[in-house]
Amino acid sequence: MNWDDLRVVAAVNRCGSFNRAAKMLNVEETTIARRLARLESSLGRALFEAVDGQRRPTEQCRALLQPLLLMEQAAEAIAHQLERQERLLRNFRLTTIDALAQHYLAPALADLLMVEPELSLQLETSDENVDMARWQADIAIRLGRPRRGNFTMRRIGEMRFGLVRPVGAAAEDLVLAAYPDPLMETPEMQDLQQHFPDRQVRLRSAHLQAIRVLIDSGRVAAVLPDFLIGDLAADGRFDIHRLPARREIWLLAQPHLRDDPLARRVTNWCVELFAETLAGAAT
């Protein structure tokens, strides 16, 4: 007795004829008859009988069908698992700034990877704009409209900012936190300097989450994106002043990925993640 013979039993039972079972298994009808005869000889009993032009299982055969169904399901599960293991993974390098990676990408990445089993992502963060021409990334999410280059680009979101300071604190009693010097020309840092024109920055960091933690001390004034300070709106300890500064969020991709189905699904996923920021851009 072997699995091929048992598959013949399952196919004949399902199809009701040798001819249709042969087509289902992609073999000759004579092969179906030969394998079934071999199995019946081995078992010493008939498994099918002809009734009104159909092959109907005998009582002895019906006793085998439920275990046989379980065997079929197990075989399909094994084949599916082997197929998944043999499927080649495709790796994409996705680069963005740390704050966007933590707030938007990381919470949703597991869902993306579950629905795209062939996808492998290398998530990298950097405060500097990646050079797509030098293949520093396959896909990049960055702030500010990029200069023209050999890549596809799409505006997918907008980042807005607020100045956070403790309620009632005098300016001279506050620690002023800001970005490192190379980033002081950004719109949000320009707004910060307008509110504190004569104050020296005591703390510089490009790690926005670290600045957010420092704000909880009640001694720091800083500018942060809305998505990091939304929970402070109902906190009576802090005053939040909405700033005019806004930064556009752009999605870049290597040009050869334009018509790549998997890459398009990844970029569409990125677009959906930031859609809420565009929906509120006019407010």
C-alpha atoms as a PDB file:
ATOM      1  CA  MET A   1       0.000   0.000   0.000  1.00  0.00           C
ATOM      2  CA  ASN A   2       1.352   3.419  -0.903  1.00  0.00           C
ATOM      3  CA  TRP A   3       0.151   7.021  -0.949  1.00  0.00           C
ATOM      4  CA  ASP A   4      -0.345   7.110  -4.727  1.00  0.00           C
ATOM      5  CA  ASP A   5      -2.800   4.218  -4.500  1.00  0.00           C
ATOM      6  CA  LEU A   6      -4.691   5.920  -1.670  1.00  0.00           C
ATOM      7  CA  ARG A   7      -4.877   9.144  -3.717  1.00  0.00           C
ATOM      8  CA  VAL A   8      -6.601   7.112  -6.434  1.00  0.00           C
ATOM      9  CA  VAL A   9      -9.236   5.968  -3.930  1.00  0.00           C
ATOM     10  CA  ALA A  10      -9.870   9.558  -2.847  1.00  0.00           C
ATOM     11  CA  ALA A  11     -10.082  10.779  -6.450  1.00  0.00           C
ATOM     12  CA  VAL A  12     -12.471   8.037  -7.619  1.00  0.00           C
ATOM     13  CA  ASN A  13     -14.690   8.638  -4.590  1.00  0.00           C
ATOM     14  CA  ARG A  14     -14.725  12.363  -5.300  1.00  0.00           C
ATOM     15  CA  CYS A  15     -15.258  12.115  -9.062  1.00  0.00           C
ATOM     16  CA  GLY A  16     -17.433   9.005  -9.356  1.00  0.00           C
ATOM     17  CA  SER A  17     -15.590   7.635 -12.386  1.00  0.00           C
ATOM     18  CA  PHE A  18     -12.188   6.397 -13.464  1.00  0.00           C
ATOM     19  CA  ASN A  19     -12.100   8.865 -16.356  1.00  0.00           C
ATOM     20  CA  ARG A  20     -12.707  11.981 -14.266  1.00  0.00           C
ATOM     21  CA  ALA A  21     -10.352  10.753 -11.543  1.00  0.00           C
ATOM     22  CA  ALA A  22      -7.620  10.297 -14.172  1.00  0.00           C
ATOM     23  CA  LYS A  23      -8.091  13.885 -15.349  1.00  0.00           C
ATOM     24  CA  MET A  24      -8.016  15.129 -11.773  1.00  0.00           C
ATOM     25  CA  LEU A  25      -4.713  13.371 -11.065  1.00  0.00           C
ATOM     26  CA  ASN A  26      -3.338  14.031 -14.550  1.00  0.00           C
ATOM     27  CA  VAL A  27      -2.724  10.355 -15.307  1.00  0.00           C
ATOM     28  CA  GLU A  28      -4.103   7.790 -17.751  1.00  0.00           C
ATOM     29  CA  GLU A  29      -7.401   6.045 -16.989  1.00  0.00           C
ATOM     30  CA  THR A  30      -5.605   2.703 -17.215  1.00  0.00           C
ATOM     31  CA  THR A  31      -3.292   3.855 -14.442  1.00  0.00           C
ATOM     32  CA  ILE A  32      -6.307   4.519 -12.207  1.00  0.00           C
ATOM     33  CA  ALA A  33      -7.695   1.055 -12.893  1.00  0.00           C
ATOM     34  CA  ARG A  34      -4.335  -0.653 -12.359  1.00  0.00           C
ATOM     35  CA  ARG A  35      -3.583   1.090  -9.045  1.00  0.00           C
ATOM     36  CA  LEU A  36      -7.072   0.461  -7.716  1.00  0.00           C
ATOM     37  CA  ALA A  37      -6.894  -3.195  -8.661  1.00  0.00           C
ATOM     38  CA  ARG A  38      -3.519  -3.498  -6.924  1.00  0.00           C
ATOM     39  CA  LEU A  39      -4.881  -1.958  -3.750  1.00  0.00           C
ATOM     40  CA  GLU A  40      -8.039  -4.107  -3.786  1.00  0.00           C
ATOM     41  CA  SER A  41      -5.881  -7.214  -4.234  1.00  0.00           C
ATOM     42  CA  SER A  42      -3.716  -6.165  -1.310  1.00  0.00           C
ATOM     43  CA  LEU A  43      -6.741  -5.556   0.934  1.00  0.00           C
ATOM     44  CA  GLY A  44      -8.648  -8.615  -0.288  1.00  0.00           C
ATOM     45  CA  ARG A  45     -11.853  -6.638  -0.827  1.00  0.00           C
ATOM     46  CA  ALA A  46     -13.579  -4.495  -3.447  1.00  0.00           C
ATOM     47  CA  LEU A  47     -13.532  -0.740  -2.808  1.00  0.00           C
ATOM     48  CA  PHE A  48     -15.952   0.469  -5.492  1.00  0.00           C
ATOM     49  CA  GLU A  49     -18.963  -0.916  -7.317  1.00  0.00           C
ATOM     50  CA  ALA A  50     -20.685   0.312 -10.462  1.00  0.00           C
ATOM     51  CA  VAL A  51     -24.142   1.783  -9.754  1.00  0.00           C
ATOM     52  CA  ASP A  52     -26.097   3.612 -12.474  1.00  0.00           C
ATOM     53  CA  GLY A  53     -22.923   4.417 -14.388  1.00  0.00           C
ATOM     54  CA  GLN A  54     -21.128   5.762 -11.304  1.00  0.00           C
ATOM     55  CA  ARG A  55     -18.360   4.296  -9.168  1.00  0.00           C
ATOM     56  CA  ARG A  56     -19.777   4.158  -5.628  1.00  0.00           C
ATOM     57  CA  PRO A  57     -17.685   3.228  -2.561  1.00  0.00           C
ATOM     58  CA  THR A  58     -18.438  -0.069  -0.903  1.00  0.00           C
ATOM     59  CA  GLU A  59     -19.075  -0.306   2.815  1.00  0.00           C
ATOM     60  CA  GLN A  60     -15.470  -1.353   3.358  1.00  0.00           C
ATOM     61  CA  CYS A  61     -14.259   1.649   1.330  1.00  0.00           C
ATOM     62  CA  ARG A  62     -16.437   4.117   3.262  1.00  0.00           C
ATOM     63  CA  ALA A  63     -14.685   3.030   6.445  1.00  0.00           C
ATOM     64  CA  LEU A  64     -11.407   4.225   4.901  1.00  0.00           C
ATOM     65  CA  LEU A  65     -12.596   7.620   3.644  1.00  0.00           C
ATOM     66  CA  GLN A  66     -12.405   9.650   6.871  1.00  0.00           C
ATOM     67  CA  PRO A  67      -8.826   8.595   7.722  1.00  0.00           C
ATOM     68  CA  LEU A  68      -7.961   9.117   4.062  1.00  0.00           C
ATOM     69  CA  LEU A  69      -9.336  12.670   4.193  1.00  0.00           C
ATOM     70  CA  LEU A  70      -7.151  13.405   7.215  1.00  0.00           C
ATOM     71  CA  MET A  71      -4.134  12.063   5.336  1.00  0.00           C
ATOM     72  CA  GLU A  72      -4.920  14.306   2.355  1.00  0.00           C
ATOM     73  CA  GLN A  73      -5.185  17.364   4.593  1.00  0.00           C
ATOM     74  CA  ALA A  74      -1.894  16.520   6.299  1.00  0.00           C
ATOM     75  CA  ALA A  75      -0.172  16.050   2.931  1.00  0.00           C
ATOM     76  CA  GLU A  76      -1.479  19.427   1.715  1.00  0.00           C
ATOM     77  CA  ALA A  77      -0.278  21.128   4.890  1.00  0.00           C
ATOM     78  CA  ILE A  78       3.191  19.606   4.467  1.00  0.00           C
ATOM     79  CA  ALA A  79       3.349  20.672   0.815  1.00  0.00           C
ATOM     80  CA  HIS A  80       2.298  24.198   1.745  1.00  0.00           C
ATOM     81  CA  GLN A  81       4.940  24.380   4.463  1.00  0.00           C
ATOM     82  CA  LEU A  82       7.655  23.149   2.111  1.00  0.00           C
ATOM     83  CA  GLU A  83       6.562  25.689  -0.479  1.00  0.00           C
ATOM     84  CA  ARG A  84       6.838  28.500   2.064  1.00  0.00           C
ATOM     85  CA  GLN A  85      10.295  27.340   3.115  1.00  0.00           C
ATOM     86  CA  GLU A  86      11.497  27.147  -0.476  1.00  0.00           C
ATOM     87  CA  ARG A  87      10.091  30.524  -1.471  1.00  0.00           C
ATOM     88  CA  LEU A  88      12.930  32.986  -1.969  1.00  0.00           C
ATOM     89  CA  LEU A  89      12.820  36.044   0.249  1.00  0.00           C
ATOM     90  CA  ARG A  90      13.219  39.436  -1.385  1.00  0.00           C
ATOM     91  CA  ASN A  91      15.004  42.028   0.700  1.00  0.00           C
ATOM     92  CA  PHE A  92      14.301  45.758   0.511  1.00  0.00           C
ATOM     93  CA  ARG A  93      16.199  48.458   2.405  1.00  0.00           C
ATOM     94  CA  LEU A  94      13.753  50.980   3.849  1.00  0.00           C
ATOM     95  CA  THR A  95      15.294  54.130   5.296  1.00  0.00           C
ATOM     96  CA  THR A  96      13.664  56.932   7.269  1.00  0.00           C
ATOM     97  CA  ILE A  97      14.199  59.114  10.344  1.00  0.00           C
ATOM     98  CA  ASP A  98      14.027  57.515  13.760  1.00  0.00           C
ATOM     99  CA  ALA A  99      10.798  59.235  14.876  1.00  0.00           C
ATOM    100  CA  LEU A 100       8.814  58.077  11.833  1.00  0.00           C
ATOM    101  CA  ALA A 101      10.217  54.574  12.163  1.00  0.00           C
ATOM    102  CA  GLN A 102       9.154  54.335  15.805  1.00  0.00           C
ATOM    103  CA  HIS A 103       5.748  55.995  15.584  1.00  0.00           C
ATOM    104  CA  TYR A 104       4.451  54.919  12.177  1.00  0.00           C
ATOM    105  CA  LEU A 105       6.432  52.000  10.766  1.00  0.00           C
ATOM    106  CA  ALA A 106       7.353  49.783  13.722  1.00  0.00           C
ATOM    107  CA  PRO A 107       3.800  49.333  15.111  1.00  0.00           C
ATOM    108  CA  ALA A 108       2.510  48.163  11.716  1.00  0.00           C
ATOM    109  CA  LEU A 109       5.460  46.258  10.242  1.00  0.00           C
ATOM    110  CA  ALA A 110       4.521  42.866  11.677  1.00  0.00           C
ATOM    111  CA  ASP A 111       1.160  42.992   9.880  1.00  0.00           C
ATOM    112  CA  LEU A 112       2.872  43.832   6.584  1.00  0.00           C
ATOM    113  CA  LEU A 113       5.342  40.971   6.929  1.00  0.00           C
ATOM    114  CA  MET A 114       2.560  38.521   7.765  1.00  0.00           C
ATOM    115  CA  VAL A 115       0.629  39.303   4.568  1.00  0.00           C
ATOM    116  CA  GLU A 116       3.804  39.393   2.429  1.00  0.00           C
ATOM    117  CA  PRO A 117       5.640  36.137   3.268  1.00  0.00           C
ATOM    118  CA  GLU A 118       8.243  36.664   0.533  1.00  0.00           C
ATOM    119  CA  LEU A 119       9.217  40.090   1.901  1.00  0.00           C
ATOM    120  CA  SER A 120      12.294  40.774   4.023  1.00  0.00           C
ATOM    121  CA  LEU A 121      12.856  44.359   5.192  1.00  0.00           C
ATOM    122  CA  GLN A 122      16.027  46.022   6.384  1.00  0.00           C
ATOM    123  CA  LEU A 123      14.795  49.056   8.327  1.00  0.00           C
ATOM    124  CA  GLU A 124      17.415  51.768   8.762  1.00  0.00           C
ATOM    125  CA  THR A 125      17.186  55.189  10.381  1.00  0.00           C
ATOM    126  CA  SER A 126      19.269  58.261   9.671  1.00  0.00           C
ATOM    127  CA  ASP A 127      19.003  62.008  10.204  1.00  0.00           C
ATOM    128  CA  GLU A 128      20.705  62.580   6.854  1.00  0.00           C
ATOM    129  CA  ASN A 129      19.047  62.294   3.482  1.00  0.00           C
ATOM    130  CA  VAL A 130      20.024  59.075   1.780  1.00  0.00           C
ATOM    131  CA  ASP A 131      21.660  59.133  -1.615  1.00  0.00           C
ATOM    132  CA  MET A 132      19.384  57.072  -3.842  1.00  0.00           C
ATOM    133  CA  ALA A 133      21.844  57.353  -6.723  1.00  0.00           C
ATOM    134  CA  ARG A 134      24.427  55.508  -4.620  1.00  0.00           C
ATOM    135  CA  TRP A 135      21.901  52.807  -3.703  1.00  0.00           C
ATOM    136  CA  GLN A 136      21.831  53.654  -0.001  1.00  0.00           C
ATOM    137  CA  ALA A 137      18.182  52.548   0.049  1.00  0.00           C
ATOM    138  CA  ASP A 138      15.586  50.850  -2.114  1.00  0.00           C
ATOM    139  CA  ILE A 139      12.786  52.858  -0.516  1.00  0.00           C
ATOM    140  CA  ALA A 140      13.143  55.996   1.592  1.00  0.00           C
ATOM    141  CA  ILE A 141      10.745  58.132   3.609  1.00  0.00           C
ATOM    142  CA  ARG A 142      12.163  61.573   4.200  1.00  0.00           C
ATOM    143  CA  LEU A 143      11.192  65.087   5.191  1.00  0.00           C
ATOM    144  CA  GLY A 144      11.101  67.834   2.575  1.00  0.00           C
ATOM    145  CA  ARG A 145      10.664  67.663  -1.159  1.00  0.00           C
ATOM    146  CA  PRO A 146      13.773  66.101  -2.678  1.00  0.00           C
ATOM    147  CA  ARG A 147      15.723  67.599  -5.494  1.00  0.00           C
ATOM    148  CA  ARG A 148      15.261  65.931  -8.824  1.00  0.00           C
ATOM    149  CA  GLY A 149      17.042  62.662  -9.212  1.00  0.00           C
ATOM    150  CA  ASN A 150      16.862  59.209 -10.708  1.00  0.00           C
ATOM    151  CA  PHE A 151      14.086  57.929  -8.439  1.00  0.00           C
ATOM    152  CA  THR A 152      10.326  57.991  -8.171  1.00  0.00           C
ATOM    153  CA  MET A 153       8.864  60.285  -5.529  1.00  0.00           C
ATOM    154  CA  ARG A 154       5.492  60.988  -4.019  1.00  0.00           C
ATOM    155  CA  ARG A 155       4.271  63.304  -1.272  1.00  0.00           C
ATOM    156  CA  ILE A 156       2.562  61.032   1.247  1.00  0.00           C
ATOM    157  CA  GLY A 157       2.182  63.082   4.422  1.00  0.00           C
ATOM    158  CA  GLU A 158       2.818  66.177   6.435  1.00  0.00           C
ATOM    159  CA  MET A 159       4.403  66.727   9.831  1.00  0.00           C
ATOM    160  CA  ARG A 160       3.202  69.579  12.045  1.00  0.00           C
ATOM    161  CA  PHE A 161       4.761  70.849  15.240  1.00  0.00           C
ATOM    162  CA  GLY A 162       4.078  72.312  18.632  1.00  0.00           C
ATOM    163  CA  LEU A 163       6.184  74.195  21.149  1.00  0.00           C
ATOM    164  CA  VAL A 164       5.842  72.514  24.536  1.00  0.00           C
ATOM    165  CA  ARG A 165       6.738  74.251  27.803  1.00  0.00           C
ATOM    166  CA  PRO A 166       5.724  73.840  31.435  1.00  0.00           C
ATOM    167  CA  VAL A 167       2.772  76.010  32.475  1.00  0.00           C
ATOM    168  CA  GLY A 168       3.833  79.083  34.469  1.00  0.00           C
ATOM    169  CA  ALA A 169       7.568  78.540  34.058  1.00  0.00           C
ATOM    170  CA  ALA A 170       9.674  81.626  33.341  1.00  0.00           C
ATOM    171  CA  ALA A 171      11.767  81.427  30.200  1.00  0.00           C
ATOM    172  CA  GLU A 172      14.993  81.885  32.152  1.00  0.00           C
ATOM    173  CA  ASP A 173      14.181  78.850  34.304  1.00  0.00           C
ATOM    174  CA  LEU A 174      13.780  76.486  31.367  1.00  0.00           C
ATOM    175  CA  VAL A 175      16.265  74.190  29.692  1.00  0.00           C
ATOM    176  CA  LEU A 176      15.925  74.795  25.979  1.00  0.00           C
ATOM    177  CA  ALA A 177      16.245  71.655  23.857  1.00  0.00           C
ATOM    178  CA  ALA A 178      16.808  71.733  20.102  1.00  0.00           C
ATOM    179  CA  TYR A 179      18.244  69.837  17.158  1.00  0.00           C
ATOM    180  CA  PRO A 180      21.998  69.642  16.468  1.00  0.00           C
ATOM    181  CA  ASP A 181      23.520  72.630  14.657  1.00  0.00           C
ATOM    182  CA  PRO A 182      23.288  71.138  11.125  1.00  0.00           C
ATOM    183  CA  LEU A 183      19.495  70.928  11.527  1.00  0.00           C
ATOM    184  CA  MET A 184      18.871  74.402  12.967  1.00  0.00           C
ATOM    185  CA  GLU A 185      17.779  75.743   9.566  1.00  0.00           C
ATOM    186  CA  THR A 186      14.697  73.541   9.521  1.00  0.00           C
ATOM    187  CA  PRO A 187      11.353  75.384   9.717  1.00  0.00           C
ATOM    188  CA  GLU A 188      10.512  74.087  13.189  1.00  0.00           C
ATOM    189  CA  MET A 189      13.870  75.203  14.607  1.00  0.00           C
ATOM    190  CA  GLN A 190      13.399  78.625  13.014  1.00  0.00           C
ATOM    191  CA  ASP A 191      10.080  78.891  14.862  1.00  0.00           C
ATOM    192  CA  LEU A 192      11.753  77.839  18.117  1.00  0.00           C
ATOM    193  CA  GLN A 193      14.378  80.564  17.770  1.00  0.00           C
ATOM    194  CA  GLN A 194      11.681  83.180  17.206  1.00  0.00           C
ATOM    195  CA  HIS A 195      10.106  82.280  20.557  1.00  0.00           C
ATOM    196  CA  PHE A 196      13.452  82.214  22.379  1.00  0.00           C
ATOM    197  CA  PRO A 197      15.634  84.679  20.429  1.00  0.00           C
ATOM    198  CA  ASP A 198      18.096  85.343  23.239  1.00  0.00           C
ATOM    199  CA  ARG A 199      18.288  81.949  24.896  1.00  0.00           C
ATOM    200  CA  GLN A 200      21.114  79.495  24.500  1.00  0.00           C
ATOM    201  CA  VAL A 201      20.262  75.918  23.681  1.00  0.00           C
ATOM    202  CA  ARG A 202      21.349  73.732  26.595  1.00  0.00           C
ATOM    203  CA  LEU A 203      20.555  70.372  25.048  1.00  0.00           C
ATOM    204  CA  ARG A 204      20.904  69.273  21.444  1.00  0.00           C
ATOM    205  CA  SER A 205      19.643  65.972  20.084  1.00  0.00           C
ATOM    206  CA  ALA A 206      18.193  64.579  16.898  1.00  0.00           C
ATOM    207  CA  HIS A 207      16.461  61.833  18.883  1.00  0.00           C
ATOM    208  CA  LEU A 208      12.945  63.210  19.244  1.00  0.00           C
ATOM    209  CA  GLN A 209      11.765  60.457  21.548  1.00  0.00           C
ATOM    210  CA  ALA A 210      14.542  61.330  24.003  1.00  0.00           C
ATOM    211  CA  ILE A 211      13.452  64.979  23.962  1.00  0.00           C
ATOM    212  CA  ARG A 212       9.879  63.858  24.538  1.00  0.00           C
ATOM    213  CA  VAL A 213      10.959  61.988  27.684  1.00  0.00           C
ATOM    214  CA  LEU A 214      12.867  65.057  28.903  1.00  0.00           C
ATOM    215  CA  ILE A 215       9.741  67.191  28.588  1.00  0.00           C
ATOM    216  CA  ASP A 216       8.086  65.055  31.261  1.00  0.00           C
ATOM    217  CA  SER A 217      10.604  66.439  33.766  1.00  0.00           C
ATOM    218  CA  GLY A 218       8.707  69.750  33.706  1.00  0.00           C
ATOM    219  CA  ARG A 219      11.906  71.744  33.166  1.00  0.00           C
ATOM    220  CA  VAL A 220      12.382  71.611  29.403  1.00  0.00           C
ATOM    221  CA  ALA A 221      10.975  73.616  26.505  1.00  0.00           C
ATOM    222  CA  ALA A 222      11.194  72.046  23.044  1.00  0.00           C
ATOM    223  CA  VAL A 223       9.549  71.732  19.655  1.00  0.00           C
ATOM    224  CA  LEU A 224       8.244  68.313  18.718  1.00  0.00           C
ATOM    225  CA  PRO A 225       5.966  66.869  16.022  1.00  0.00           C
ATOM    226  CA  ASP A 226       2.282  66.574  16.868  1.00  0.00           C
ATOM    227  CA  PHE A 227       2.336  62.783  16.951  1.00  0.00           C
ATOM    228  CA  LEU A 228       4.755  62.849  19.912  1.00  0.00           C
ATOM    229  CA  ILE A 229       2.874  65.387  22.015  1.00  0.00           C
ATOM    230  CA  GLY A 230      -0.764  64.527  21.386  1.00  0.00           C
ATOM    231  CA  ASP A 231      -1.052  62.930  24.818  1.00  0.00           C
ATOM    232  CA  LEU A 232       0.059  66.181  26.474  1.00  0.00           C
ATOM    233  CA  ALA A 233      -2.957  68.145  25.244  1.00  0.00           C
ATOM    234  CA  ALA A 234      -5.008  67.053  28.269  1.00  0.00           C
ATOM    235  CA  ASP A 235      -2.084  67.348  30.698  1.00  0.00           C
ATOM    236  CA  GLY A 236      -2.530  70.538  32.722  1.00  0.00           C
ATOM    237  CA  ARG A 237       1.180  70.759  33.460  1.00  0.00           C
ATOM    238  CA  PHE A 238       2.081  71.800  29.932  1.00  0.00           C
ATOM    239  CA  ASP A 239       1.274  74.552  27.477  1.00  0.00           C
ATOM    240  CA  ILE A 240       1.331  73.586  23.801  1.00  0.00           C
ATOM    241  CA  HIS A 241       1.632  76.335  21.203  1.00  0.00           C
ATOM    242  CA  ARG A 242       0.911  75.232  17.645  1.00  0.00           C
ATOM    243  CA  LEU A 243       3.586  76.432  15.247  1.00  0.00           C
ATOM    244  CA  PRO A 244       3.237  77.466  11.596  1.00  0.00           C
ATOM    245  CA  ALA A 245       6.128  75.187  10.604  1.00  0.00           C
ATOM    246  CA  ARG A 246       5.185  72.169   8.533  1.00  0.00           C
ATOM    247  CA  ARG A 247       7.365  69.519   6.916  1.00  0.00           C
ATOM    248  CA  GLU A 248       6.252  67.447   3.958  1.00  0.00           C
ATOM    249  CA  ILE A 249       6.818  63.686   4.093  1.00  0.00           C
ATOM    250  CA  TRP A 250       8.015  62.203   0.804  1.00  0.00           C
ATOM    251  CA  LEU A 251       8.299  58.623  -0.367  1.00  0.00           C
ATOM    252  CA  LEU A 252      11.206  57.792  -2.688  1.00  0.00           C
ATOM    253  CA  ALA A 253      11.867  54.530  -4.503  1.00  0.00           C
ATOM    254  CA  GLN A 254      14.447  53.256  -6.943  1.00  0.00           C
ATOM    255  CA  PRO A 255      13.152  53.592 -10.530  1.00  0.00           C
ATOM    256  CA  HIS A 256      13.481  49.888 -11.346  1.00  0.00           C
ATOM    257  CA  LEU A 257      10.891  49.152  -8.627  1.00  0.00           C
ATOM    258  CA  ARG A 258       8.184  51.199 -10.349  1.00  0.00           C
ATOM    259  CA  ASP A 259       6.517  48.154 -11.910  1.00  0.00           C
ATOM    260  CA  ASP A 260       7.599  45.601  -9.319  1.00  0.00           C
ATOM    261  CA  PRO A 261       4.412  44.140  -7.748  1.00  0.00           C
ATOM    262  CA  LEU A 262       5.924  43.502  -4.316  1.00  0.00           C
ATOM    263  CA  ALA A 263       7.630  46.896  -4.159  1.00  0.00           C
ATOM    264  CA  ARG A 264       4.382  48.592  -5.146  1.00  0.00           C
ATOM    265  CA  ARG A 265       2.539  46.831  -2.343  1.00  0.00           C
ATOM    266  CA  VAL A 266       5.172  48.033   0.120  1.00  0.00           C
ATOM    267  CA  THR A 267       5.011  51.627  -1.114  1.00  0.00           C
ATOM    268  CA  ASN A 268       1.209  51.576  -1.103  1.00  0.00           C
ATOM    269  CA  TRP A 269       1.380  50.367   2.488  1.00  0.00           C
ATOM    270  CA  CYS A 270       3.594  53.367   3.314  1.00  0.00           C
ATOM    271  CA  VAL A 271       1.101  55.709   1.653  1.00  0.00           C
ATOM    272  CA  GLU A 272      -1.746  54.322   3.752  1.00  0.00           C
ATOM    273  CA  LEU A 273       0.271  54.699   6.970  1.00  0.00           C
ATOM    274  CA  PHE A 274       0.692  58.439   6.478  1.00  0.00           C
ATOM    275  CA  ALA A 275      -2.713  59.153   4.942  1.00  0.00           C
ATOM    276  CA  GLU A 276      -4.028  60.504   8.263  1.00  0.00           C
ATOM    277  CA  THR A 277      -1.414  63.259   8.251  1.00  0.00           C
ATOM    278  CA  LEU A 278      -2.622  64.499   4.860  1.00  0.00           C
ATOM    279  CA  ALA A 279      -6.274  64.249   5.908  1.00  0.00           C
ATOM    280  CA  GLY A 280      -5.581  66.766   8.665  1.00  0.00           C
ATOM    281  CA  ALA A 281      -3.161  68.932   6.719  1.00  0.00           C
ATOM    282  CA  ALA A 282      -5.690  71.642   6.021  1.00  0.00           C
ATOM    283  CA  THR A 283      -6.673  72.062   9.672  1.00  0.00           C
END
